[in-house]
N, C-alpha and C. Protein backbone atom coordinates (compact mmCIF):
# COMPACT_ATOMS: atom_id res chain seq x y z
N MET A 1 106.32 61.91 187.36
CA MET A 1 106.84 63.21 187.76
C MET A 1 105.86 63.76 187.34
N ILE A 2 105.28 64.22 186.64
CA ILE A 2 103.64 65.22 186.03
C ILE A 2 103.23 64.99 187.64
N ILE A 3 102.62 64.30 188.41
CA ILE A 3 101.87 64.36 189.41
C ILE A 3 102.74 64.82 190.18
N ASP A 4 103.84 64.93 190.83
CA ASP A 4 105.10 65.21 191.91
C ASP A 4 105.17 67.02 191.33
N CYS A 5 105.20 67.38 190.16
CA CYS A 5 105.60 68.57 189.78
C CYS A 5 103.60 69.43 189.76
N PHE A 6 103.16 68.81 189.43
CA PHE A 6 101.85 69.71 189.69
C PHE A 6 101.33 70.03 191.39
N SER A 7 101.55 68.58 191.98
CA SER A 7 101.50 68.96 193.51
C SER A 7 102.42 69.86 194.18
N ALA A 8 103.42 69.88 193.57
CA ALA A 8 104.38 71.04 194.04
C ALA A 8 103.86 72.54 193.91
N MET A 9 103.55 72.99 192.60
CA MET A 9 102.79 73.81 192.24
C MET A 9 101.67 74.35 192.73
N GLU A 10 100.85 73.40 192.76
CA GLU A 10 99.64 73.63 193.80
C GLU A 10 99.99 73.84 194.91
N LEU A 11 101.10 73.75 195.85
CA LEU A 11 101.74 74.06 197.37
C LEU A 11 102.19 75.71 196.83
N GLU A 12 102.51 75.70 195.80
CA GLU A 12 103.20 77.32 195.40
C GLU A 12 102.37 78.36 195.50
N PHE A 13 101.48 77.66 194.63
CA PHE A 13 100.45 78.70 193.99
C PHE A 13 98.89 78.97 195.20
N GLY A 14 98.69 77.53 195.27
CA GLY A 14 97.36 77.57 195.90
C GLY A 14 96.33 76.89 194.58
N SER A 15 95.72 76.08 195.11
CA SER A 15 94.82 75.14 194.95
C SER A 15 93.93 75.87 193.32
N VAL A 16 93.54 77.45 193.77
CA VAL A 16 92.90 77.92 192.61
C VAL A 16 93.72 78.51 191.80
N LEU A 17 94.58 79.28 192.16
CA LEU A 17 95.66 80.05 191.11
C LEU A 17 96.12 78.67 190.41
N PHE A 18 96.51 77.44 190.82
CA PHE A 18 97.17 76.39 190.13
C PHE A 18 96.09 76.26 189.35
N LEU A 19 94.98 75.72 189.20
CA LEU A 19 93.45 75.47 188.35
C LEU A 19 93.20 76.36 187.52
N SER A 20 93.37 77.80 187.69
CA SER A 20 93.05 78.64 186.67
C SER A 20 94.17 78.80 185.66
N LEU A 21 95.65 78.79 186.02
CA LEU A 21 96.82 78.68 185.68
C LEU A 21 96.85 77.52 184.48
N LEU A 22 96.41 76.26 184.98
CA LEU A 22 96.73 75.45 184.05
C LEU A 22 95.41 75.40 183.35
N PHE A 23 94.31 75.93 183.48
CA PHE A 23 93.48 76.10 182.29
C PHE A 23 93.59 77.02 181.21
N GLN A 24 94.60 77.91 181.75
CA GLN A 24 94.53 79.28 180.99
C GLN A 24 96.02 78.90 180.24
N MET A 25 96.53 77.74 180.65
CA MET A 25 97.80 77.27 179.76
C MET A 25 97.62 76.11 178.60
N ILE A 26 96.30 75.87 179.13
CA ILE A 26 96.05 74.48 178.35
C ILE A 26 95.38 75.39 176.91
N ILE A 27 94.32 76.24 177.47
CA ILE A 27 93.74 76.64 176.16
C ILE A 27 94.79 77.62 175.45
N SER A 28 95.36 78.05 175.84
CA SER A 28 96.42 79.14 175.46
C SER A 28 97.32 78.13 174.46
N ILE A 29 98.09 77.09 174.91
CA ILE A 29 98.85 76.35 174.05
C ILE A 29 97.76 75.37 172.98
N ASN A 30 96.77 75.12 173.52
CA ASN A 30 96.06 74.38 172.00
C ASN A 30 95.35 75.35 171.03
N TYR A 31 95.34 76.77 171.47
CA TYR A 31 94.68 77.18 170.81
C TYR A 31 95.33 77.79 169.28
N LEU A 32 96.93 78.05 169.81
CA LEU A 32 97.98 78.48 169.34
C LEU A 32 98.45 77.23 168.26
N HIS A 33 98.42 75.83 168.68
CA HIS A 33 98.80 75.08 167.89
C HIS A 33 97.78 74.89 167.00
N LEU A 34 96.16 75.57 167.02
CA LEU A 34 95.14 75.30 165.86
C LEU A 34 95.48 76.10 165.02
N GLN A 35 96.27 77.60 165.69
CA GLN A 35 96.43 78.50 164.74
C GLN A 35 97.35 77.72 163.73
N TYR A 36 98.75 77.33 164.47
CA TYR A 36 99.62 76.79 163.61
C TYR A 36 99.04 75.87 162.35
N SER A 37 98.23 74.86 162.95
CA SER A 37 97.94 73.82 162.06
C SER A 37 96.95 74.51 161.17
N ILE A 38 96.10 75.46 161.00
CA ILE A 38 95.42 76.08 159.96
C ILE A 38 96.17 76.38 159.14
N ILE A 39 97.36 77.44 159.83
CA ILE A 39 98.17 78.23 158.85
C ILE A 39 98.83 77.04 157.57
N GLY A 40 99.42 75.98 158.56
CA GLY A 40 100.04 75.17 157.92
C GLY A 40 99.40 74.36 156.67
N HIS A 41 97.98 74.12 157.03
CA HIS A 41 97.11 73.39 155.76
C HIS A 41 97.14 74.50 154.86
N PHE A 42 96.34 75.57 155.15
CA PHE A 42 96.85 76.50 154.01
C PHE A 42 97.36 76.86 152.91
N PHE A 43 98.75 76.72 153.54
CA PHE A 43 99.52 76.96 152.49
C PHE A 43 100.44 75.87 151.85
N SER A 44 100.23 74.92 152.71
CA SER A 44 101.03 73.15 151.84
C SER A 44 99.54 72.51 151.28
N GLN A 45 98.57 73.01 151.54
CA GLN A 45 97.11 71.88 151.23
C GLN A 45 97.26 70.91 151.44
N ASN A 46 98.37 70.11 152.99
CA ASN A 46 98.19 69.07 153.51
C ASN A 46 97.56 68.79 154.61
N GLU A 47 96.60 67.56 154.30
CA GLU A 47 95.89 67.16 155.30
C GLU A 47 96.39 66.84 156.52
N GLY A 48 97.37 66.56 156.78
CA GLY A 48 98.16 65.73 157.91
C GLY A 48 98.26 66.72 159.02
N TYR A 49 98.46 68.42 158.33
CA TYR A 49 98.13 68.93 159.72
C TYR A 49 97.25 68.91 160.47
N HIS A 50 96.10 68.47 159.95
CA HIS A 50 94.69 68.72 160.98
C HIS A 50 94.68 67.18 162.05
N TRP A 51 95.67 66.41 161.81
CA TRP A 51 95.86 65.18 162.83
C TRP A 51 96.82 65.27 163.82
N GLU A 52 97.70 66.28 163.51
CA GLU A 52 98.78 66.85 164.20
C GLU A 52 98.22 67.33 165.97
N GLY A 53 98.09 66.37 166.74
CA GLY A 53 97.15 67.17 167.82
C GLY A 53 97.89 66.97 168.93
N ILE A 54 97.30 67.88 169.95
CA ILE A 54 98.59 67.72 171.08
C ILE A 54 98.24 66.38 172.42
N THR A 55 99.02 65.47 172.30
CA THR A 55 98.43 64.17 172.65
C THR A 55 98.90 63.42 174.08
N SER A 56 99.51 64.36 175.22
CA SER A 56 99.80 64.57 176.05
C SER A 56 99.72 65.88 176.83
N LEU A 57 100.12 65.46 178.37
CA LEU A 57 100.08 66.95 179.24
C LEU A 57 101.63 67.37 179.31
N TYR A 58 102.80 66.57 178.14
CA TYR A 58 104.36 67.21 178.40
C TYR A 58 104.31 68.55 177.88
N PRO A 59 103.44 69.10 176.78
CA PRO A 59 103.86 70.46 177.13
C PRO A 59 103.20 71.78 177.98
N ILE A 60 102.29 71.21 178.41
CA ILE A 60 102.07 71.82 179.63
C ILE A 60 102.84 72.11 180.78
N LEU A 61 103.27 70.57 180.97
CA LEU A 61 104.49 70.87 181.96
C LEU A 61 105.79 71.25 181.43
N LEU A 62 106.01 71.23 180.41
CA LEU A 62 107.42 72.28 179.96
C LEU A 62 106.71 73.83 180.10
N GLY A 63 105.82 73.94 179.31
CA GLY A 63 105.55 75.57 179.93
C GLY A 63 105.55 75.80 181.02
N MET A 64 104.63 74.94 182.17
CA MET A 64 104.89 75.62 183.36
C MET A 64 106.17 75.35 184.71
N THR A 65 107.01 74.94 183.72
CA THR A 65 108.18 74.64 184.33
C THR A 65 109.19 75.92 183.74
N MET A 66 108.48 76.34 182.42
CA MET A 66 109.52 77.68 181.82
C MET A 66 109.13 78.87 182.46
N MET A 67 107.41 78.32 183.15
CA MET A 67 107.05 79.84 183.58
C MET A 67 107.85 79.82 185.47
N LYS A 68 108.49 79.11 185.35
CA LYS A 68 108.89 79.41 186.61
C LYS A 68 110.38 79.52 186.66
N CYS A 69 110.98 79.31 185.80
CA CYS A 69 111.81 79.55 185.03
C CYS A 69 112.28 81.14 184.92
N SER A 70 111.62 81.51 184.31
CA SER A 70 111.05 82.72 183.46
C SER A 70 110.45 83.85 184.80
N SER A 71 109.87 83.78 185.36
CA SER A 71 109.51 84.57 186.76
C SER A 71 110.72 84.79 187.58
N CYS A 72 110.36 86.13 187.97
CA CYS A 72 111.43 86.91 188.67
C CYS A 72 112.21 86.13 189.77
N ASP A 73 111.21 85.31 190.19
CA ASP A 73 112.10 83.92 191.72
C ASP A 73 111.84 82.82 191.00
N GLY A 74 112.49 82.41 189.85
CA GLY A 74 112.96 81.23 189.48
C GLY A 74 114.11 80.93 189.76
N ASP A 75 114.59 79.61 190.83
CA ASP A 75 115.65 79.45 190.78
C ASP A 75 116.90 78.30 189.82
N SER A 76 117.62 77.96 190.34
CA SER A 76 118.73 77.26 189.21
C SER A 76 118.41 75.80 189.30
N PHE A 77 117.31 75.46 190.39
CA PHE A 77 116.73 73.84 190.28
C PHE A 77 115.83 73.92 189.11
N ALA A 78 114.96 74.99 188.98
CA ALA A 78 113.87 74.94 187.71
C ALA A 78 114.31 74.81 186.64
N PHE A 79 115.64 75.63 186.29
CA PHE A 79 116.23 75.77 185.34
C PHE A 79 117.11 73.90 184.84
N ARG A 80 117.55 73.23 185.74
CA ARG A 80 118.29 72.13 185.64
C ARG A 80 117.10 71.41 185.34
N GLN A 81 116.30 71.22 185.96
CA GLN A 81 115.28 70.36 185.62
C GLN A 81 114.25 70.32 184.51
N LEU A 82 114.50 71.59 183.37
CA LEU A 82 113.74 71.92 182.19
C LEU A 82 114.47 71.41 181.36
N LEU A 83 116.22 71.48 181.81
CA LEU A 83 117.22 71.00 180.95
C LEU A 83 116.81 69.34 180.48
N LEU A 84 116.89 68.97 182.20
CA LEU A 84 116.32 67.47 182.21
C LEU A 84 115.49 66.92 181.14
N MET A 85 114.19 67.61 181.41
CA MET A 85 112.99 67.53 180.29
C MET A 85 113.44 67.54 179.17
N MET A 86 113.99 68.60 178.48
CA MET A 86 114.17 68.75 177.43
C MET A 86 115.14 67.75 176.43
N ILE A 87 116.11 67.28 177.17
CA ILE A 87 116.90 65.87 176.65
C ILE A 87 116.73 64.78 175.75
N PRO A 88 115.40 64.17 176.18
CA PRO A 88 114.89 63.52 175.35
C PRO A 88 114.68 63.67 174.01
N HIS A 89 113.97 64.95 173.97
CA HIS A 89 113.52 65.82 172.83
C HIS A 89 114.23 66.61 171.83
N ILE A 90 115.41 66.49 171.94
CA ILE A 90 116.54 67.53 171.19
C ILE A 90 116.75 66.75 169.58
N HIS A 91 116.40 65.06 169.47
CA HIS A 91 116.08 65.00 168.41
C HIS A 91 114.97 65.18 167.89
N ASN A 92 113.67 64.96 168.31
CA ASN A 92 112.43 65.09 168.43
C ASN A 92 112.09 66.37 168.63
N VAL A 93 112.30 67.22 167.58
CA VAL A 93 111.46 68.73 168.16
C VAL A 93 110.32 68.63 167.35
N SER A 94 109.11 68.94 168.80
CA SER A 94 107.72 69.12 168.33
C SER A 94 107.30 70.61 168.59
N ILE A 95 106.40 70.68 167.74
CA ILE A 95 105.08 72.15 167.94
C ILE A 95 104.97 72.50 169.10
N PRO A 96 104.16 71.25 169.59
CA PRO A 96 103.19 71.57 170.74
C PRO A 96 104.44 71.50 172.19
N ASN A 97 105.77 71.49 172.07
CA ASN A 97 106.52 71.14 172.98
C ASN A 97 106.84 72.47 172.85
N ILE A 98 107.62 73.05 171.85
CA ILE A 98 107.73 74.83 171.38
C ILE A 98 107.08 75.74 171.94
N LEU A 99 105.55 75.76 171.45
CA LEU A 99 104.37 76.15 172.36
C LEU A 99 104.66 76.26 173.46
N GLY A 100 104.80 75.28 174.29
CA GLY A 100 104.46 75.16 175.47
C GLY A 100 105.78 75.85 176.32
N LEU A 101 106.76 76.04 175.79
CA LEU A 101 108.02 76.89 176.35
C LEU A 101 107.81 78.21 175.96
N VAL A 102 107.14 78.67 174.78
CA VAL A 102 107.31 79.95 174.69
C VAL A 102 105.65 80.62 175.55
N VAL A 103 104.28 79.59 175.52
CA VAL A 103 103.74 80.34 176.65
C VAL A 103 104.14 80.36 178.20
N GLY A 104 105.02 79.19 178.04
CA GLY A 104 105.22 78.86 179.79
C GLY A 104 106.42 80.51 179.98
N TYR A 105 107.19 81.23 178.58
CA TYR A 105 108.29 81.89 179.13
C TYR A 105 107.59 83.29 179.41
N LEU A 106 106.48 83.61 178.62
CA LEU A 106 105.59 84.73 178.26
C LEU A 106 104.92 84.69 179.67
N PHE A 107 103.97 83.99 180.33
CA PHE A 107 102.97 83.66 181.38
C PHE A 107 104.44 84.15 182.21
N GLY A 108 105.40 83.94 182.50
CA GLY A 108 106.70 84.10 183.52
C GLY A 108 107.25 85.29 183.49
N ARG A 109 107.20 85.61 182.45
CA ARG A 109 107.53 87.10 182.26
C ARG A 109 106.83 88.09 182.48
N MET A 110 105.41 87.86 182.20
CA MET A 110 104.34 89.02 182.29
C MET A 110 103.84 89.00 183.37
N ASP A 111 103.94 87.94 184.68
CA ASP A 111 103.50 87.84 186.15
C ASP A 111 101.95 87.39 185.86
N TYR A 112 101.70 86.30 184.94
CA TYR A 112 100.60 86.68 184.42
C TYR A 112 99.62 85.35 185.39
N TRP A 113 100.29 84.96 186.22
CA TRP A 113 99.68 83.95 186.96
C TRP A 113 99.62 84.46 188.41
N LYS A 114 99.33 85.69 188.44
CA LYS A 114 99.03 86.54 189.98
C LYS A 114 97.88 86.84 189.38
N MET A 115 97.29 86.62 190.70
CA MET A 115 95.85 87.36 191.28
C MET A 115 95.94 87.89 192.56
N ASN A 116 94.37 88.96 192.75
CA ASN A 116 94.51 89.45 193.81
C ASN A 116 94.21 88.23 194.87
N ALA A 117 95.35 88.17 195.78
CA ALA A 117 95.28 87.23 196.85
C ALA A 117 93.64 87.47 197.51
N LYS A 118 93.49 88.33 197.90
CA LYS A 118 92.39 89.07 198.96
C LYS A 118 91.33 88.37 198.39
N LYS A 119 91.11 88.74 197.11
CA LYS A 119 89.83 88.01 196.11
C LYS A 119 89.55 86.52 196.67
N VAL A 120 90.62 85.95 196.30
CA VAL A 120 90.87 84.63 195.71
C VAL A 120 90.46 83.95 197.87
N GLN A 121 90.56 84.54 198.66
CA GLN A 121 90.90 84.31 200.03
C GLN A 121 89.24 84.78 200.29
N LYS A 122 88.48 85.88 199.30
CA LYS A 122 86.89 85.57 199.82
C LYS A 122 86.22 84.75 199.50
N TRP A 123 87.21 84.41 198.24
CA TRP A 123 85.85 83.18 197.31
C TRP A 123 86.04 82.06 198.23
N GLU A 124 87.09 81.99 199.10
CA GLU A 124 86.98 80.31 199.21
C GLU A 124 86.62 80.56 200.95
N GLU A 125 86.48 81.65 201.69
CA GLU A 125 84.94 81.94 202.79
C GLU A 125 84.15 81.87 202.92
N GLU A 126 83.32 82.86 201.63
CA GLU A 126 82.22 83.13 201.61
C GLU A 126 81.74 82.88 200.46
N GLY A 127 82.55 82.82 199.30
CA GLY A 127 81.90 82.36 197.76
C GLY A 127 81.54 80.97 197.27
N TRP A 128 82.12 80.98 196.15
CA TRP A 128 81.65 79.54 195.31
C TRP A 128 82.36 78.85 195.69
N LEU A 129 83.57 78.90 196.20
CA LEU A 129 84.78 78.07 196.52
C LEU A 129 84.49 77.59 197.72
N ARG A 130 83.50 77.91 198.72
CA ARG A 130 83.77 77.71 199.94
C ARG A 130 83.87 75.80 200.03
N TYR A 131 83.02 75.17 199.34
CA TYR A 131 82.73 74.07 199.20
C TYR A 131 83.82 73.11 198.68
N LEU A 132 84.69 73.88 197.89
CA LEU A 132 85.72 73.01 197.54
C LEU A 132 86.96 73.21 198.51
N ALA A 133 86.74 74.34 199.12
CA ALA A 133 87.87 74.22 200.03
C ALA A 133 87.82 73.93 201.18
N THR A 134 86.64 73.41 201.79
CA THR A 134 86.54 72.11 202.79
C THR A 134 87.55 70.64 202.40
N ARG A 135 87.31 70.78 200.82
CA ARG A 135 88.22 69.45 200.77
C ARG A 135 89.82 68.81 201.12
N PRO A 136 89.81 67.35 201.35
CA PRO A 136 91.17 67.27 202.09
C PRO A 136 92.36 67.99 201.49
N HIS A 137 92.25 68.01 200.42
CA HIS A 137 94.19 67.87 199.43
C HIS A 137 93.73 69.49 198.66
N TYR A 138 92.67 70.06 199.65
CA TYR A 138 93.04 71.64 199.08
C TYR A 138 93.38 72.62 199.41
N VAL A 139 94.32 73.55 198.72
CA VAL A 139 95.86 74.67 199.00
C VAL A 139 94.97 75.22 199.37
N ALA A 140 94.64 76.19 200.15
CA ALA A 140 94.13 77.29 200.54
C ALA A 140 95.15 78.82 199.79
N ILE A 141 94.88 79.78 199.46
CA ILE A 141 95.94 80.57 198.85
C ILE A 141 96.46 81.47 200.40
N VAL A 142 95.92 81.17 201.31
CA VAL A 142 96.87 81.95 202.72
C VAL A 142 97.89 80.74 203.21
N ASN A 143 97.66 79.46 202.72
CA ASN A 143 98.83 78.42 202.90
C ASN A 143 99.87 78.13 201.83
N SER A 144 99.51 78.86 200.56
CA SER A 144 100.58 78.95 199.57
C SER A 144 101.92 79.64 199.65
N ASN A 145 102.79 79.04 199.21
CA ASN A 145 104.42 79.54 199.14
C ASN A 145 104.59 81.11 198.71
N VAL A 146 103.56 81.54 197.71
CA VAL A 146 103.33 82.59 196.73
C VAL A 146 102.44 83.54 197.82
N TYR A 147 101.98 83.16 198.36
CA TYR A 147 100.92 84.27 199.80
C TYR A 147 102.03 84.44 200.52
N LYS A 148 102.39 83.41 201.36
CA LYS A 148 103.51 83.35 202.65
C LYS A 148 104.67 84.43 201.69
N MET A 149 105.27 84.67 201.01
CA MET A 149 106.34 85.27 200.58
C MET A 149 105.76 86.44 200.23
N GLU A 150 104.87 86.76 199.95
CA GLU A 150 104.16 88.32 199.95
C GLU A 150 104.27 88.70 201.19
N VAL A 151 103.18 88.34 201.86
CA VAL A 151 103.03 89.05 203.31
C VAL A 151 104.40 88.90 203.64
N LYS A 152 105.19 88.06 203.70
CA LYS A 152 106.59 88.62 204.72
C LYS A 152 107.41 89.85 203.97
N GLN A 153 107.15 90.33 202.99
CA GLN A 153 107.48 91.01 201.76
C GLN A 153 107.15 92.37 202.14
N ASP A 154 105.85 92.31 202.99
CA ASP A 154 105.10 93.06 203.06
C ASP A 154 105.27 93.57 204.52
N ASP A 155 105.86 92.54 205.43
CA ASP A 155 106.19 93.14 206.97
C ASP A 155 107.46 93.79 206.37
N GLU A 156 108.56 93.39 205.82
CA GLU A 156 109.76 93.83 206.27
C GLU A 156 109.36 95.26 205.32
N ILE A 157 108.74 95.46 204.73
CA ILE A 157 108.71 96.84 204.04
C ILE A 157 108.25 98.23 205.32
N VAL A 158 107.19 97.54 206.00
CA VAL A 158 106.90 98.06 207.12
C VAL A 158 107.69 98.34 208.25
């Protein structure tokens, strides 16, 4: 499920945007979890807080699904998918999963995942991403669904 979801999101955003989003989301969720652990240890003096790590990509997947749900173009299918992903964890709520949902919601509401498509396209054609852009499974920014929608909206305005 994770591989399929990540592939779909890479087609949605393009490889560069997806990788930068994945990296930023991993850093954000892990940093917030580290802060939670430090505060929990400070107030309770319980060493167990230091061993509560994020052991899977599940909080990241929850965050990316929540980001899709909370962005302007989120659809009801993504929301149903999020609910199905949450059902197994209703009785076992974990802090990493909650942080994933919060970070995903904030990224979606702020349109944090958007980048300047022309800048990314320049990187792919002549910059440091030129070698990576020649790989067989690479999704160029101009082939992403987000870029196609932006171009379509620009054509309608003119």
